[in-house]
Amino acid sequence: MIRESTIQELRTIIELKLSMFQDAELDHLLNDKASEIIEREYLKMYDQNKIRHFVIDIDNEIAGCAGAFIKNDIPYCFYKTPFFGFIGDVYIKKNFRRKGYAKQLTEEVITWLKSKDVKMIKLLATPEAAGLYSDLGFEKTGDMTLWIDE
């Protein structure tokens, strides 16, 4: 069953987010205090009504989650609609994958973002998940990244 998560489940959401980084072999990018920083920033966003997480319960266990974020970064804050939606924290535990749960959660997140009058939704997709998002109507854009070695 998909439902909106509670604030009491935030630590579980953060654990799933950290697992997502580990699975993608990107955990080396995280600050040593990432868990604390994520919790602090998410709580601020919850207070401002700029974030929602949804979870899927299978056999009394949270099997996965997805997050909806309302952002107003430059240059989008200059647009007629000065904010956009961002989908993140989409993660399904390994033993629950390939059952359509990520798609269901993402659809729930999109519904919430639409209810907030969002006109554009962005996300970062792993190569494995790109097909899922394409099926939902997302298009590749011209975002580019330069990593600077120290």
C-alpha atoms as a PDB file:
ATOM      1  CA  MET A   1       0.000   0.000   0.000  1.00  0.00           C
ATOM      2  CA  ILE A   2       1.330   3.429  -0.952  1.00  0.00           C
ATOM      3  CA  ARG A   3       0.883   6.178   1.593  1.00  0.00           C
ATOM      4  CA  GLU A   4       2.371   9.484   2.653  1.00  0.00           C
ATOM      5  CA  SER A   5       5.139   8.907   5.164  1.00  0.00           C
ATOM      6  CA  THR A   6       5.040  10.392   8.634  1.00  0.00           C
ATOM      7  CA  ILE A   7       7.657  12.688  10.101  1.00  0.00           C
ATOM      8  CA  GLN A   8       8.423   9.908  12.597  1.00  0.00           C
ATOM      9  CA  GLU A   9       9.582   7.790   9.645  1.00  0.00           C
ATOM     10  CA  LEU A  10      12.111  10.376   8.477  1.00  0.00           C
ATOM     11  CA  ARG A  11      15.073   8.385   9.811  1.00  0.00           C
ATOM     12  CA  THR A  12      13.874   5.354   7.828  1.00  0.00           C
ATOM     13  CA  ILE A  13      13.641   7.543   4.708  1.00  0.00           C
ATOM     14  CA  ILE A  14      17.195   8.760   5.338  1.00  0.00           C
ATOM     15  CA  GLU A  15      18.450   5.174   5.750  1.00  0.00           C
ATOM     16  CA  LEU A  16      16.861   4.294   2.398  1.00  0.00           C
ATOM     17  CA  LYS A  17      18.446   7.384   0.810  1.00  0.00           C
ATOM     18  CA  LEU A  18      21.878   6.357   2.102  1.00  0.00           C
ATOM     19  CA  SER A  19      21.306   2.824   0.762  1.00  0.00           C
ATOM     20  CA  MET A  20      20.499   4.365  -2.617  1.00  0.00           C
ATOM     21  CA  PHE A  21      23.889   6.127  -2.627  1.00  0.00           C
ATOM     22  CA  GLN A  22      25.652   2.891  -1.618  1.00  0.00           C
ATOM     23  CA  ASP A  23      23.928   0.866  -4.335  1.00  0.00           C
ATOM     24  CA  ALA A  24      24.906   3.483  -6.925  1.00  0.00           C
ATOM     25  CA  GLU A  25      28.484   3.445  -5.560  1.00  0.00           C
ATOM     26  CA  LEU A  26      28.239   7.173  -4.905  1.00  0.00           C
ATOM     27  CA  ASP A  27      28.423   7.097  -1.126  1.00  0.00           C
ATOM     28  CA  HIS A  28      32.015   8.373  -1.312  1.00  0.00           C
ATOM     29  CA  LEU A  29      30.537  11.735  -2.345  1.00  0.00           C
ATOM     30  CA  LEU A  30      28.594  12.103   0.905  1.00  0.00           C
ATOM     31  CA  ASN A  31      29.688  14.211   3.845  1.00  0.00           C
ATOM     32  CA  ASP A  32      30.724  12.216   6.912  1.00  0.00           C
ATOM     33  CA  LYS A  33      27.709  13.700   8.699  1.00  0.00           C
ATOM     34  CA  ALA A  34      25.324  13.250   5.759  1.00  0.00           C
ATOM     35  CA  SER A  35      22.598  11.649   7.858  1.00  0.00           C
ATOM     36  CA  GLU A  36      22.484  14.607  10.259  1.00  0.00           C
ATOM     37  CA  ILE A  37      22.625  17.158   7.434  1.00  0.00           C
ATOM     38  CA  ILE A  38      19.858  15.437   5.472  1.00  0.00           C
ATOM     39  CA  GLU A  39      17.642  15.280   8.548  1.00  0.00           C
ATOM     40  CA  ARG A  40      18.191  18.962   9.360  1.00  0.00           C
ATOM     41  CA  GLU A  41      17.542  20.139   5.782  1.00  0.00           C
ATOM     42  CA  TYR A  42      14.512  17.894   5.284  1.00  0.00           C
ATOM     43  CA  LEU A  43      12.952  19.071   8.551  1.00  0.00           C
ATOM     44  CA  LYS A  44      13.315  22.688   7.376  1.00  0.00           C
ATOM     45  CA  MET A  45      11.647  21.788   4.085  1.00  0.00           C
ATOM     46  CA  TYR A  46       8.838  19.929   5.873  1.00  0.00           C
ATOM     47  CA  ASP A  47       8.224  23.032   8.003  1.00  0.00           C
ATOM     48  CA  GLN A  48       7.924  25.074   4.785  1.00  0.00           C
ATOM     49  CA  ASN A  49       5.636  22.496   3.117  1.00  0.00           C
ATOM     50  CA  LYS A  50       8.193  22.038   0.321  1.00  0.00           C
ATOM     51  CA  ILE A  51       8.704  18.297   0.640  1.00  0.00           C
ATOM     52  CA  ARG A  52       6.696  15.082   0.878  1.00  0.00           C
ATOM     53  CA  HIS A  53       7.801  11.485   0.989  1.00  0.00           C
ATOM     54  CA  PHE A  54       5.694   8.530   0.050  1.00  0.00           C
ATOM     55  CA  VAL A  55       6.361   4.935   1.047  1.00  0.00           C
ATOM     56  CA  ILE A  56       5.113   1.552   0.008  1.00  0.00           C
ATOM     57  CA  ASP A  57       4.297  -0.955   2.744  1.00  0.00           C
ATOM     58  CA  ILE A  58       4.635  -4.629   1.929  1.00  0.00           C
ATOM     59  CA  ASP A  59       3.980  -7.173   4.684  1.00  0.00           C
ATOM     60  CA  ASN A  60       4.265  -4.490   7.395  1.00  0.00           C
ATOM     61  CA  GLU A  61       7.638  -3.320   6.070  1.00  0.00           C
ATOM     62  CA  ILE A  62       8.548  -0.124   4.268  1.00  0.00           C
ATOM     63  CA  ALA A  63       9.785  -1.586   0.986  1.00  0.00           C
ATOM     64  CA  GLY A  64      10.639   1.699  -0.690  1.00  0.00           C
ATOM     65  CA  CYS A  65      10.138   5.417  -0.864  1.00  0.00           C
ATOM     66  CA  ALA A  66      10.039   8.428  -3.163  1.00  0.00           C
ATOM     67  CA  GLY A  67      10.312  12.115  -2.399  1.00  0.00           C
ATOM     68  CA  ALA A  68       8.750  15.232  -3.888  1.00  0.00           C
ATOM     69  CA  PHE A  69      10.579  18.515  -3.471  1.00  0.00           C
ATOM     70  CA  ILE A  70       9.541  22.042  -4.426  1.00  0.00           C
ATOM     71  CA  LYS A  71      12.636  24.026  -5.374  1.00  0.00           C
ATOM     72  CA  ASN A  72      13.262  27.584  -6.517  1.00  0.00           C
ATOM     73  CA  ASP A  73      16.892  27.540  -7.593  1.00  0.00           C
ATOM     74  CA  ILE A  74      18.425  29.989 -10.059  1.00  0.00           C
ATOM     75  CA  PRO A  75      17.467  30.427 -12.895  1.00  0.00           C
ATOM     76  CA  TYR A  76      14.025  28.918 -12.284  1.00  0.00           C
ATOM     77  CA  CYS A  77      13.188  31.522  -9.642  1.00  0.00           C
ATOM     78  CA  PHE A  78      13.129  34.068 -12.500  1.00  0.00           C
ATOM     79  CA  TYR A  79      10.464  32.169 -14.467  1.00  0.00           C
ATOM     80  CA  LYS A  80       6.756  33.046 -14.513  1.00  0.00           C
ATOM     81  CA  THR A  81       6.278  30.014 -12.290  1.00  0.00           C
ATOM     82  CA  PRO A  82       9.277  30.649 -10.004  1.00  0.00           C
ATOM     83  CA  PHE A  83       9.603  27.101  -8.706  1.00  0.00           C
ATOM     84  CA  PHE A  84       9.781  23.562  -9.985  1.00  0.00           C
ATOM     85  CA  GLY A  85       9.265  20.066  -8.721  1.00  0.00           C
ATOM     86  CA  PHE A  86      12.094  17.676  -8.104  1.00  0.00           C
ATOM     87  CA  ILE A  87      11.764  13.951  -7.585  1.00  0.00           C
ATOM     88  CA  GLY A  88      14.381  12.294  -5.437  1.00  0.00           C
ATOM     89  CA  ASP A  89      14.924   9.553  -2.896  1.00  0.00           C
ATOM     90  CA  VAL A  90      13.285   6.979  -5.169  1.00  0.00           C
ATOM     91  CA  TYR A  91      14.532   3.721  -3.734  1.00  0.00           C
ATOM     92  CA  ILE A  92      13.159   0.207  -3.492  1.00  0.00           C
ATOM     93  CA  LYS A  93      14.818  -2.402  -1.286  1.00  0.00           C
ATOM     94  CA  LYS A  94      16.518  -5.105  -3.365  1.00  0.00           C
ATOM     95  CA  ASN A  95      14.143  -7.932  -2.460  1.00  0.00           C
ATOM     96  CA  PHE A  96      11.127  -5.856  -3.597  1.00  0.00           C
ATOM     97  CA  ARG A  97      12.432  -4.627  -6.967  1.00  0.00           C
ATOM     98  CA  ARG A  98      11.078  -5.284 -10.483  1.00  0.00           C
ATOM     99  CA  LYS A  99       7.464  -5.248  -9.293  1.00  0.00           C
ATOM    100  CA  GLY A 100       6.467  -1.755 -10.440  1.00  0.00           C
ATOM    101  CA  TYR A 101       6.725  -0.137  -7.005  1.00  0.00           C
ATOM    102  CA  ALA A 102       9.098   2.648  -8.104  1.00  0.00           C
ATOM    103  CA  LYS A 103       6.665   3.594 -10.866  1.00  0.00           C
ATOM    104  CA  GLN A 104       3.717   3.650  -8.464  1.00  0.00           C
ATOM    105  CA  LEU A 105       5.614   5.788  -5.964  1.00  0.00           C
ATOM    106  CA  THR A 106       6.780   8.170  -8.686  1.00  0.00           C
ATOM    107  CA  GLU A 107       3.217   8.560  -9.941  1.00  0.00           C
ATOM    108  CA  GLU A 108       2.127   9.432  -6.387  1.00  0.00           C
ATOM    109  CA  VAL A 109       4.901  12.020  -6.135  1.00  0.00           C
ATOM    110  CA  ILE A 110       3.899  13.544  -9.484  1.00  0.00           C
ATOM    111  CA  THR A 111       0.303  13.822  -8.272  1.00  0.00           C
ATOM    112  CA  TRP A 112       1.430  15.675  -5.132  1.00  0.00           C
ATOM    113  CA  LEU A 113       3.654  18.036  -7.133  1.00  0.00           C
ATOM    114  CA  LYS A 114       0.807  18.795  -9.559  1.00  0.00           C
ATOM    115  CA  SER A 115      -1.402  19.651  -6.568  1.00  0.00           C
ATOM    116  CA  LYS A 116       1.184  22.321  -5.686  1.00  0.00           C
ATOM    117  CA  ASP A 117       0.845  23.947  -9.152  1.00  0.00           C
ATOM    118  CA  VAL A 118       4.249  22.745 -10.307  1.00  0.00           C
ATOM    119  CA  LYS A 119       4.663  23.217 -14.070  1.00  0.00           C
ATOM    120  CA  MET A 120       8.003  21.397 -14.508  1.00  0.00           C
ATOM    121  CA  ILE A 121       9.427  18.352 -12.744  1.00  0.00           C
ATOM    122  CA  LYS A 122      13.095  17.411 -12.811  1.00  0.00           C
ATOM    123  CA  LEU A 123      14.994  14.402 -11.522  1.00  0.00           C
ATOM    124  CA  LEU A 124      18.332  12.644 -11.717  1.00  0.00           C
ATOM    125  CA  ALA A 125      18.069   9.112 -13.085  1.00  0.00           C
ATOM    126  CA  THR A 126      20.481   6.227 -12.954  1.00  0.00           C
ATOM    127  CA  PRO A 127      20.939   4.450 -16.283  1.00  0.00           C
ATOM    128  CA  GLU A 128      18.912   1.537 -14.874  1.00  0.00           C
ATOM    129  CA  ALA A 129      15.947   3.795 -14.058  1.00  0.00           C
ATOM    130  CA  ALA A 130      15.993   5.971 -17.194  1.00  0.00           C
ATOM    131  CA  GLY A 131      13.465   3.741 -18.979  1.00  0.00           C
ATOM    132  CA  LEU A 132      10.997   4.008 -16.113  1.00  0.00           C
ATOM    133  CA  TYR A 133      11.091   7.790 -16.234  1.00  0.00           C
ATOM    134  CA  SER A 134      10.891   7.886 -20.027  1.00  0.00           C
ATOM    135  CA  ASP A 135       7.761   5.731 -19.797  1.00  0.00           C
ATOM    136  CA  LEU A 136       6.289   8.347 -17.437  1.00  0.00           C
ATOM    137  CA  GLY A 137       6.936  11.122 -19.975  1.00  0.00           C
ATOM    138  CA  PHE A 138      10.260  12.513 -18.763  1.00  0.00           C
ATOM    139  CA  GLU A 139      12.656  13.714 -21.454  1.00  0.00           C
ATOM    140  CA  LYS A 140      16.428  13.955 -21.409  1.00  0.00           C
ATOM    141  CA  THR A 141      17.610  17.549 -21.152  1.00  0.00           C
ATOM    142  CA  GLY A 142      20.884  19.329 -21.766  1.00  0.00           C
ATOM    143  CA  ASP A 143      22.195  19.265 -18.190  1.00  0.00           C
ATOM    144  CA  MET A 144      25.930  18.727 -18.145  1.00  0.00           C
ATOM    145  CA  THR A 145      28.387  18.276 -15.279  1.00  0.00           C
ATOM    146  CA  LEU A 146      32.097  18.947 -14.872  1.00  0.00           C
ATOM    147  CA  TRP A 147      33.769  17.207 -11.944  1.00  0.00           C
ATOM    148  CA  ILE A 148      36.851  19.020 -10.687  1.00  0.00           C
ATOM    149  CA  ASP A 149      39.571  16.743  -9.289  1.00  0.00           C
ATOM    150  CA  GLU A 150      41.310  18.084  -6.224  1.00  0.00           C
END
